[in-house]
Amino acid sequence: MVKRGMLLGLLLLVMTFLGGCSDSLELDDSAHVLSVAIDRGEEKAYRYTFQMPILLGEGLGNGEARFRSLTLEADNILDAFESANHADARNMNFAHLNFLVVSEELARAGDMPGLIASCAYLAELREEALVVVVRGSAQDFLKGFENEKESNLERLQENLIQGAANSSIIPSATIADLLEYFTDGRGDCVVALGSVNESVSSPATGEGEEASEEAFSQSAMDDPVGEISREGGLGSDLRGAALFSDGKMVEILGPGETKFLLMARGEFSHTRYVVPDPSGEGTVTLNLTKRAQPSIQVDLEEDGARCRITVFLRGRVVDQTNFVNMDDDAVFEAVTLAAESELNRRMEEVRIKALAAGSDAFNLSRWASRRYLSFAAYEKDGVKDAIRNGQVEVRVEFQMVKQDPYRR
């Protein structure tokens, strides 16, 4: 009897230790913030919007949104974090953060370095979250996700980021990346560009495509950011890049231009591209892949730097509007030359645009800093200014691959 009582007591003791979390914090006590939007505030410096999913079992009815937002004003993200914890019954958890969204107004005003630096003081903030600069309101960008009533918000955002990154239409700069760029002063960052379709009524600047340009250079990826007509689904776009110079946003690139910038930065994997066929009456669609990392050469001289970037691409024909016999050596050579010429033409447009904005978008000064043992020596030589005032050449070396007859 005594043994049975001791066994029962031991069982109750074990159940007590295993019956709850070690920190007394249940899952339902946390609000998992998936997105943070930052706009200019009216009464305080900034307006913060925290977007969170509503978990199953929280009293959802049919057709109700599965996410909620909390908006408040604060002078910095630390104050916003404290205010949000007081305003919401749950504890804010940023471990699953997908987006840190900043309005274009703040980015062009030079507020980004301070906003990103303040993130370093939040130990639980997920530094792998994608940073997005939005044309228009950052808060409206988050609302664009709320058009999908029955979606899983976290999966929706992850799929959007993954799809855009795989298509090479956005740079993948994270909070950690920008902390490095803004603190060490080497190079200029490029950030993913977002927009709200409903809030953009005028044509987006900076796409680099003329309305009268030949049809073969147009594709769905070259549509101006925020100008796609939609009747349903998401109201927000994630396509293009924002260029920075010394912490200030100075220019935007459309998704088509962003692909070429990422090619030169070595952050490109693959894409489809359309070029004219030798007859000039049809088009040939190529599957472009990276065959090697770009070759970069930086020579510092008294009157500035001499920089050369060589981009190595490989292409394979995957579609054509008219029949083109790629087994004919003359036709194969003609298509190869036409493709290389077109790729270099587009790369030159991006080069001119980035340099005109005063941005080291090609990351040359960061690459050149590798030869220095100290940051003081790097600054003494004025590498960043030398590159901005120097000459930059970007060249595409293209290799066409003949189609395997067994894969036709």
Protein backbone atom coordinates (compact mmCIF):
# COMPACT_ATOMS: atom_id res chain seq x y z
CA MET A 1 0.00 0.00 0.00
CA VAL A 2 2.86 2.34 0.89
CA LYS A 3 4.62 1.50 -2.38
CA ARG A 4 1.44 2.19 -4.33
CA GLY A 5 1.08 5.58 -2.64
CA MET A 6 4.70 6.47 -3.38
CA LEU A 7 4.24 5.46 -7.03
CA LEU A 8 1.11 7.60 -7.30
CA GLY A 9 2.91 10.58 -5.75
CA LEU A 10 5.84 10.19 -8.14
CA LEU A 11 3.44 10.03 -11.09
CA LEU A 12 1.71 13.24 -9.98
CA LEU A 13 5.09 14.95 -9.59
CA VAL A 14 6.17 13.96 -13.12
CA MET A 15 2.85 15.13 -14.58
CA THR A 16 3.33 18.50 -12.89
CA PHE A 17 6.69 19.05 -14.60
CA LEU A 18 5.50 17.84 -17.99
CA GLY A 19 2.17 19.62 -17.95
CA GLY A 20 3.33 23.05 -19.17
CA CYS A 21 6.04 24.98 -20.97
CA SER A 22 9.22 25.76 -19.05
CA ASP A 23 8.73 29.50 -19.51
CA SER A 24 5.01 29.43 -18.65
CA LEU A 25 4.26 30.92 -22.08
CA GLU A 26 1.65 29.10 -24.14
CA LEU A 27 1.45 29.43 -27.92
CA ASP A 28 -1.82 31.32 -27.67
CA ASP A 29 -0.09 34.06 -25.66
CA SER A 30 2.02 35.16 -28.66
CA ALA A 31 1.13 37.29 -31.66
CA HIS A 32 3.39 36.15 -34.49
CA VAL A 33 4.16 39.27 -36.52
CA LEU A 34 4.73 38.41 -40.20
CA SER A 35 5.11 41.93 -41.60
CA VAL A 36 6.06 45.38 -40.33
CA ALA A 37 5.26 48.47 -42.42
CA ILE A 38 6.80 51.88 -41.72
CA ASP A 39 5.36 55.17 -43.05
CA ARG A 40 5.79 58.83 -42.13
CA GLY A 41 3.80 59.62 -38.98
CA GLU A 42 1.56 62.61 -38.32
CA GLU A 43 2.08 63.17 -34.59
CA LYS A 44 5.32 61.21 -34.18
CA ALA A 45 8.19 60.42 -36.53
CA TYR A 46 6.85 57.15 -37.94
CA ARG A 47 3.66 55.13 -38.30
CA TYR A 48 4.18 51.40 -37.71
CA THR A 49 1.79 48.68 -38.87
CA PHE A 50 2.16 45.14 -37.53
CA GLN A 51 0.42 42.41 -39.54
CA MET A 52 -0.35 39.10 -37.83
CA PRO A 53 -2.28 35.94 -38.74
CA ILE A 54 -5.33 34.87 -36.76
CA LEU A 55 -4.73 31.29 -35.69
CA LEU A 56 -7.38 28.60 -35.99
CA GLY A 57 -9.57 28.30 -32.95
CA GLU A 58 -9.71 32.04 -32.26
CA GLY A 59 -13.40 32.34 -33.08
CA LEU A 60 -13.19 32.79 -36.84
CA GLY A 61 -16.41 32.69 -38.80
CA ASN A 62 -16.92 31.73 -42.42
CA GLY A 63 -15.55 34.32 -44.82
CA GLU A 64 -13.73 36.29 -42.12
CA ALA A 65 -10.18 37.49 -42.73
CA ARG A 66 -7.47 35.28 -41.29
CA PHE A 67 -5.18 38.16 -40.37
CA ARG A 68 -5.30 41.40 -38.44
CA SER A 69 -3.23 44.56 -38.22
CA LEU A 70 -2.19 46.87 -35.41
CA THR A 71 -1.19 50.44 -36.33
CA LEU A 72 0.42 53.00 -34.04
CA GLU A 73 2.86 55.92 -34.14
CA ALA A 74 6.27 56.03 -32.47
CA ASP A 75 9.65 57.70 -32.83
CA ASN A 76 11.53 54.42 -33.24
CA ILE A 77 10.91 50.70 -33.54
CA LEU A 78 11.75 50.07 -29.87
CA ASP A 79 9.00 52.44 -28.73
CA ALA A 80 6.65 50.91 -31.30
CA PHE A 81 7.42 47.44 -29.98
CA GLU A 82 6.69 48.47 -26.38
CA SER A 83 3.50 50.30 -27.36
CA ALA A 84 2.28 47.32 -29.38
CA ASN A 85 2.81 44.99 -26.43
CA HIS A 86 0.70 47.30 -24.27
CA ALA A 87 -1.99 47.77 -26.93
CA ASP A 88 -2.40 44.07 -27.71
CA ALA A 89 -3.32 41.33 -25.27
CA ARG A 90 -0.69 39.05 -26.78
CA ASN A 91 3.09 39.28 -26.69
CA MET A 92 4.64 40.39 -29.98
CA ASN A 93 6.88 37.72 -31.51
CA PHE A 94 9.05 38.67 -34.52
CA ALA A 95 10.74 35.30 -35.01
CA HIS A 96 8.64 34.58 -38.12
CA LEU A 97 8.95 38.02 -39.73
CA ASN A 98 8.82 37.87 -43.56
CA PHE A 99 8.71 41.54 -44.58
CA LEU A 100 10.09 44.83 -43.31
CA VAL A 101 8.34 47.34 -45.58
CA VAL A 102 9.39 51.00 -45.82
CA SER A 103 7.65 53.69 -47.88
CA GLU A 104 9.47 55.31 -50.79
CA GLU A 105 9.05 58.70 -49.06
CA LEU A 106 11.18 57.58 -46.12
CA ALA A 107 13.72 55.80 -48.33
CA ARG A 108 14.30 58.88 -50.49
CA ALA A 109 14.55 61.08 -47.38
CA GLY A 110 17.49 59.01 -46.10
CA ASP A 111 15.69 57.45 -43.13
CA MET A 112 16.56 53.86 -44.03
CA PRO A 113 19.96 53.60 -42.25
CA GLY A 114 18.44 54.73 -38.94
CA LEU A 115 15.42 52.45 -39.29
CA ILE A 116 17.56 49.44 -40.10
CA ALA A 117 20.08 50.22 -37.33
CA SER A 118 17.29 50.29 -34.74
CA CYS A 119 16.39 46.70 -35.70
CA ALA A 120 19.71 45.54 -34.23
CA TYR A 121 18.40 46.30 -30.73
CA LEU A 122 15.57 43.77 -31.06
CA ALA A 123 17.28 40.45 -30.40
CA GLU A 124 14.25 38.40 -31.41
CA LEU A 125 13.77 40.19 -34.75
CA ARG A 126 14.33 37.80 -37.65
CA GLU A 127 17.23 39.36 -39.57
CA GLU A 128 16.57 37.15 -42.62
CA ALA A 129 13.33 39.05 -43.30
CA LEU A 130 13.16 40.63 -46.76
CA VAL A 131 13.38 44.43 -46.87
CA VAL A 132 10.99 46.09 -49.34
CA VAL A 133 10.71 49.72 -50.43
CA VAL A 134 7.15 50.49 -51.52
CA ARG A 135 5.96 53.03 -54.05
CA GLY A 136 3.13 54.60 -52.09
CA SER A 137 1.99 53.61 -48.61
CA ALA A 138 3.75 50.75 -46.84
CA GLN A 139 0.57 50.12 -44.85
CA ASP A 140 -1.44 49.77 -48.08
CA PHE A 141 1.13 47.27 -49.36
CA LEU A 142 0.32 44.99 -46.42
CA LYS A 143 -3.41 45.46 -47.00
CA GLY A 144 -2.88 44.13 -50.52
CA PHE A 145 -2.35 40.67 -49.02
CA GLU A 146 -5.70 40.82 -47.26
CA ASN A 147 -7.60 40.35 -50.53
CA GLU A 148 -7.02 36.61 -50.17
CA LYS A 149 -9.66 35.87 -47.53
CA GLU A 150 -9.05 32.15 -47.10
CA SER A 151 -5.27 32.05 -47.59
CA ASN A 152 -2.52 31.10 -45.20
CA LEU A 153 -0.83 34.48 -44.80
CA GLU A 154 2.60 33.12 -43.89
CA ARG A 155 2.63 30.64 -46.80
CA LEU A 156 1.27 33.32 -49.15
CA GLN A 157 4.13 35.70 -48.32
CA GLU A 158 6.78 32.98 -48.48
CA ASN A 159 5.56 31.86 -51.91
CA LEU A 160 5.56 35.45 -53.16
CA ILE A 161 9.15 36.01 -52.00
CA GLN A 162 10.36 32.66 -53.34
CA GLY A 163 8.66 33.11 -56.71
CA ALA A 164 10.01 36.62 -57.25
CA ALA A 165 13.52 35.63 -56.17
CA ASN A 166 13.56 32.55 -58.43
CA SER A 167 12.49 34.74 -61.36
CA SER A 168 15.34 37.19 -60.63
CA ILE A 169 12.93 40.15 -60.65
CA ILE A 170 13.84 41.39 -57.15
CA PRO A 171 17.06 41.59 -55.13
CA SER A 172 16.97 39.52 -51.95
CA ALA A 173 18.44 42.05 -49.50
CA THR A 174 17.52 41.21 -45.91
CA ILE A 175 17.70 43.18 -42.67
CA ALA A 176 21.09 41.58 -41.96
CA ASP A 177 22.39 42.57 -45.42
CA LEU A 178 21.34 46.20 -44.97
CA LEU A 179 22.82 46.36 -41.48
CA GLU A 180 26.15 45.46 -43.06
CA TYR A 181 25.83 47.92 -45.96
CA PHE A 182 24.73 50.86 -43.83
CA THR A 183 27.30 50.35 -41.06
CA ASP A 184 30.54 49.55 -42.90
CA GLY A 185 30.14 52.13 -45.70
CA ARG A 186 31.38 49.83 -48.47
CA GLY A 187 29.20 49.84 -51.57
CA ASP A 188 25.55 50.73 -52.05
CA CYS A 189 22.64 48.38 -51.45
CA VAL A 190 19.81 47.47 -53.81
CA VAL A 191 16.46 46.61 -52.24
CA ALA A 192 13.33 44.84 -53.47
CA LEU A 193 10.67 47.18 -54.85
CA GLY A 194 6.98 46.78 -54.09
CA SER A 195 3.86 48.69 -55.03
CA VAL A 196 0.10 48.77 -54.58
CA ASN A 197 -1.72 48.57 -57.89
CA GLU A 198 -4.69 50.61 -56.73
CA SER A 199 -2.52 53.45 -55.41
CA VAL A 200 -0.44 53.98 -58.57
CA SER A 201 -2.31 55.87 -61.27
CA SER A 202 0.53 57.39 -63.28
CA PRO A 203 3.05 55.38 -65.30
CA ALA A 204 5.98 54.21 -63.22
CA THR A 205 9.23 55.95 -63.94
CA GLY A 206 12.46 54.15 -64.44
CA GLU A 207 11.38 51.11 -66.40
CA GLY A 208 13.56 51.87 -69.38
CA GLU A 209 11.03 50.61 -71.93
CA GLU A 210 9.57 52.84 -74.63
CA ALA A 211 6.05 52.20 -75.85
CA SER A 212 7.19 52.12 -79.46
CA GLU A 213 10.01 49.64 -78.87
CA GLU A 214 10.04 46.40 -80.85
CA ALA A 215 7.71 43.70 -79.63
CA PHE A 216 10.46 41.11 -79.24
CA SER A 217 11.99 42.94 -76.28
CA GLN A 218 8.70 43.10 -74.39
CA SER A 219 7.54 40.48 -71.94
CA ALA A 220 5.27 40.21 -68.93
CA MET A 221 8.30 40.90 -66.75
CA ASP A 222 8.81 44.32 -68.38
CA ASP A 223 5.44 45.77 -67.35
CA PRO A 224 5.87 48.93 -65.25
CA VAL A 225 5.72 48.21 -61.54
CA GLY A 226 2.23 48.76 -60.17
CA GLU A 227 0.61 49.09 -63.59
CA ILE A 228 -0.81 45.57 -64.00
CA SER A 229 -4.60 45.62 -64.21
CA ARG A 230 -6.16 43.25 -61.68
CA GLU A 231 -9.74 42.33 -60.83
CA GLY A 232 -8.97 40.05 -57.92
CA GLY A 233 -6.24 38.29 -56.00
CA LEU A 234 -3.38 40.23 -54.50
CA GLY A 235 -3.40 44.00 -54.72
CA SER A 236 0.35 44.26 -54.14
CA ASP A 237 3.29 43.68 -56.48
CA LEU A 238 6.82 42.63 -55.61
CA ARG A 239 8.80 43.37 -58.77
CA GLY A 240 11.85 45.57 -59.39
CA ALA A 241 14.64 47.18 -57.38
CA ALA A 242 15.32 50.40 -55.47
CA LEU A 243 18.87 51.74 -55.89
CA PHE A 244 20.60 53.50 -52.99
CA SER A 245 23.53 55.88 -52.71
CA ASP A 246 25.00 56.64 -49.26
CA GLY A 247 21.84 55.48 -47.52
CA LYS A 248 19.38 57.38 -49.74
CA MET A 249 17.15 55.88 -52.40
CA VAL A 250 18.05 57.51 -55.73
CA GLU A 251 16.48 55.43 -58.52
CA ILE A 252 14.19 52.52 -59.31
CA LEU A 253 14.56 49.69 -61.79
CA GLY A 254 11.72 47.73 -63.33
CA PRO A 255 11.70 43.92 -63.16
CA GLY A 256 13.25 43.55 -66.62
CA GLU A 257 16.12 45.88 -65.70
CA THR A 258 16.53 44.22 -62.31
CA LYS A 259 17.32 40.91 -64.01
CA PHE A 260 20.29 42.46 -65.78
CA LEU A 261 21.52 44.19 -62.63
CA LEU A 262 21.41 40.87 -60.77
CA MET A 263 23.31 39.24 -63.64
CA ALA A 264 26.15 41.73 -63.16
CA ARG A 265 26.07 41.32 -59.35
CA GLY A 266 26.28 37.53 -59.61
CA GLU A 267 22.86 37.11 -57.94
CA PHE A 268 21.09 35.67 -60.99
CA SER A 269 20.13 32.05 -61.63
CA HIS A 270 17.93 31.73 -64.72
CA THR A 271 15.25 33.43 -66.80
CA ARG A 272 13.47 33.35 -70.15
CA TYR A 273 14.39 35.98 -72.73
CA VAL A 274 13.04 36.76 -76.23
CA VAL A 275 15.26 37.81 -79.14
CA PRO A 276 14.55 38.32 -82.88
CA ASP A 277 15.21 35.44 -85.24
CA PRO A 278 17.56 35.93 -88.24
CA SER A 279 14.66 36.68 -90.60
CA GLY A 280 13.56 39.64 -88.49
CA GLU A 281 9.94 38.50 -88.77
CA GLY A 282 9.74 36.21 -85.76
CA THR A 283 11.18 35.67 -82.30
CA VAL A 284 13.19 33.04 -80.48
CA THR A 285 12.75 32.40 -76.74
CA LEU A 286 15.88 31.47 -74.82
CA ASN A 287 16.31 29.90 -71.43
CA LEU A 288 19.21 31.88 -69.92
CA THR A 289 21.36 30.49 -67.12
CA LYS A 290 24.54 31.62 -65.39
CA ARG A 291 27.56 29.58 -66.51
CA ALA A 292 30.03 31.23 -64.11
CA GLN A 293 30.29 34.03 -61.58
CA PRO A 294 30.97 37.46 -63.17
CA SER A 295 34.60 38.44 -63.63
CA ILE A 296 35.36 41.80 -61.96
CA GLN A 297 38.45 43.93 -62.49
CA VAL A 298 39.01 47.24 -60.67
CA ASP A 299 42.10 49.36 -61.37
CA LEU A 300 42.53 52.51 -59.25
CA GLU A 301 44.18 55.39 -61.09
CA GLU A 302 44.75 59.07 -60.32
CA ASP A 303 41.82 60.29 -62.41
CA GLY A 304 39.42 57.60 -61.18
CA ALA A 305 38.87 53.87 -61.31
CA ARG A 306 38.74 51.65 -64.38
CA CYS A 307 36.23 48.88 -63.77
CA ARG A 308 35.25 45.99 -66.00
CA ILE A 309 32.56 43.40 -65.33
CA THR A 310 32.19 40.37 -67.60
CA VAL A 311 28.93 38.43 -67.26
CA PHE A 312 28.94 34.81 -68.44
CA LEU A 313 25.59 33.51 -69.68
CA ARG A 314 24.47 30.34 -71.40
CA GLY A 315 21.32 30.09 -73.53
CA ARG A 316 19.17 27.37 -75.05
CA VAL A 317 16.26 27.79 -77.47
CA VAL A 318 12.98 26.70 -75.87
CA ASP A 319 10.41 28.29 -78.19
CA GLN A 320 10.07 30.18 -81.49
CA THR A 321 7.27 31.90 -83.38
CA ASN A 322 8.57 30.83 -86.81
CA PHE A 323 10.46 27.64 -87.56
CA VAL A 324 14.20 28.21 -87.26
CA ASN A 325 16.51 25.33 -88.08
CA MET A 326 19.03 25.58 -85.26
CA ASP A 327 20.93 22.59 -86.70
CA ASP A 328 22.02 24.83 -89.57
CA ASP A 329 25.40 26.28 -88.55
CA ALA A 330 24.71 29.63 -90.25
CA VAL A 331 21.34 30.00 -88.52
CA PHE A 332 22.83 28.91 -85.17
CA GLU A 333 25.57 31.54 -85.48
CA ALA A 334 23.09 34.26 -86.51
CA VAL A 335 20.80 33.58 -83.53
CA THR A 336 23.80 33.51 -81.18
CA LEU A 337 25.07 36.89 -82.40
CA ALA A 338 21.57 38.43 -82.27
CA ALA A 339 21.08 37.20 -78.71
CA GLU A 340 24.47 38.48 -77.52
CA SER A 341 23.84 41.86 -79.14
CA GLU A 342 20.41 42.19 -77.52
CA LEU A 343 21.69 41.16 -74.09
CA ASN A 344 24.53 43.68 -74.25
CA ARG A 345 22.12 46.42 -75.37
CA ARG A 346 19.90 45.90 -72.33
CA MET A 347 22.88 45.61 -69.99
CA GLU A 348 24.21 48.93 -71.30
CA GLU A 349 20.87 50.62 -70.54
CA VAL A 350 21.01 49.42 -66.94
CA ARG A 351 24.67 50.45 -66.58
CA ILE A 352 23.96 54.00 -67.80
CA LYS A 353 20.94 54.35 -65.54
CA ALA A 354 22.69 53.14 -62.38
CA LEU A 355 25.77 55.31 -62.92
CA ALA A 356 23.66 58.38 -63.75
CA ALA A 357 21.92 57.98 -60.38
CA GLY A 358 25.29 57.97 -58.58
CA SER A 359 24.75 54.47 -57.20
CA ASP A 360 27.39 51.77 -56.91
CA ALA A 361 24.67 49.27 -57.76
CA PHE A 362 27.18 46.81 -59.22
CA ASN A 363 28.85 46.42 -55.80
CA LEU A 364 32.27 47.36 -57.17
CA SER A 365 33.59 49.26 -54.14
CA ARG A 366 32.72 46.35 -51.85
CA TRP A 367 34.54 43.98 -54.19
CA ALA A 368 37.57 46.30 -54.40
CA SER A 369 37.77 46.51 -50.59
CA ARG A 370 38.97 42.91 -50.44
CA ARG A 371 42.50 43.99 -51.29
CA TYR A 372 42.72 46.19 -48.16
CA LEU A 373 43.73 44.95 -44.73
CA SER A 374 41.95 47.79 -42.92
CA PHE A 375 38.96 50.02 -43.49
CA ALA A 376 41.16 53.06 -42.79
CA ALA A 377 43.35 52.23 -45.79
CA TYR A 378 40.25 51.71 -47.90
CA GLU A 379 38.89 55.14 -46.96
CA LYS A 380 42.27 56.81 -47.41
CA ASP A 381 42.41 55.72 -51.05
CA GLY A 382 38.85 56.99 -51.60
CA VAL A 383 37.82 53.80 -53.37
CA LYS A 384 34.09 54.52 -53.37
CA ASP A 385 34.47 58.01 -54.87
CA ALA A 386 37.06 56.76 -57.35
CA ILE A 387 34.61 54.18 -58.67
CA ARG A 388 31.78 56.70 -58.89
CA ASN A 389 33.99 59.14 -60.80
CA GLY A 390 35.64 56.47 -62.92
CA GLN A 391 34.64 54.33 -65.85
CA VAL A 392 32.57 51.18 -65.56
CA GLU A 393 32.22 48.72 -68.42
CA VAL A 394 29.81 45.78 -68.29
CA ARG A 395 30.00 43.14 -71.01
CA VAL A 396 27.96 39.97 -71.57
CA GLU A 397 29.74 36.92 -72.98
CA PHE A 398 27.03 34.64 -74.33
CA GLN A 399 27.29 30.96 -75.20
CA MET A 400 24.51 29.21 -77.12
CA VAL A 401 23.92 25.53 -76.45
CA LYS A 402 22.57 23.34 -79.22
CA GLN A 403 19.32 21.61 -78.42
CA ASP A 404 19.61 17.94 -77.51
CA PRO A 405 17.57 16.10 -80.21
CA TYR A 406 16.24 13.70 -77.58
CA ARG A 407 14.72 16.59 -75.61
CA ARG A 408 12.84 18.15 -78.52
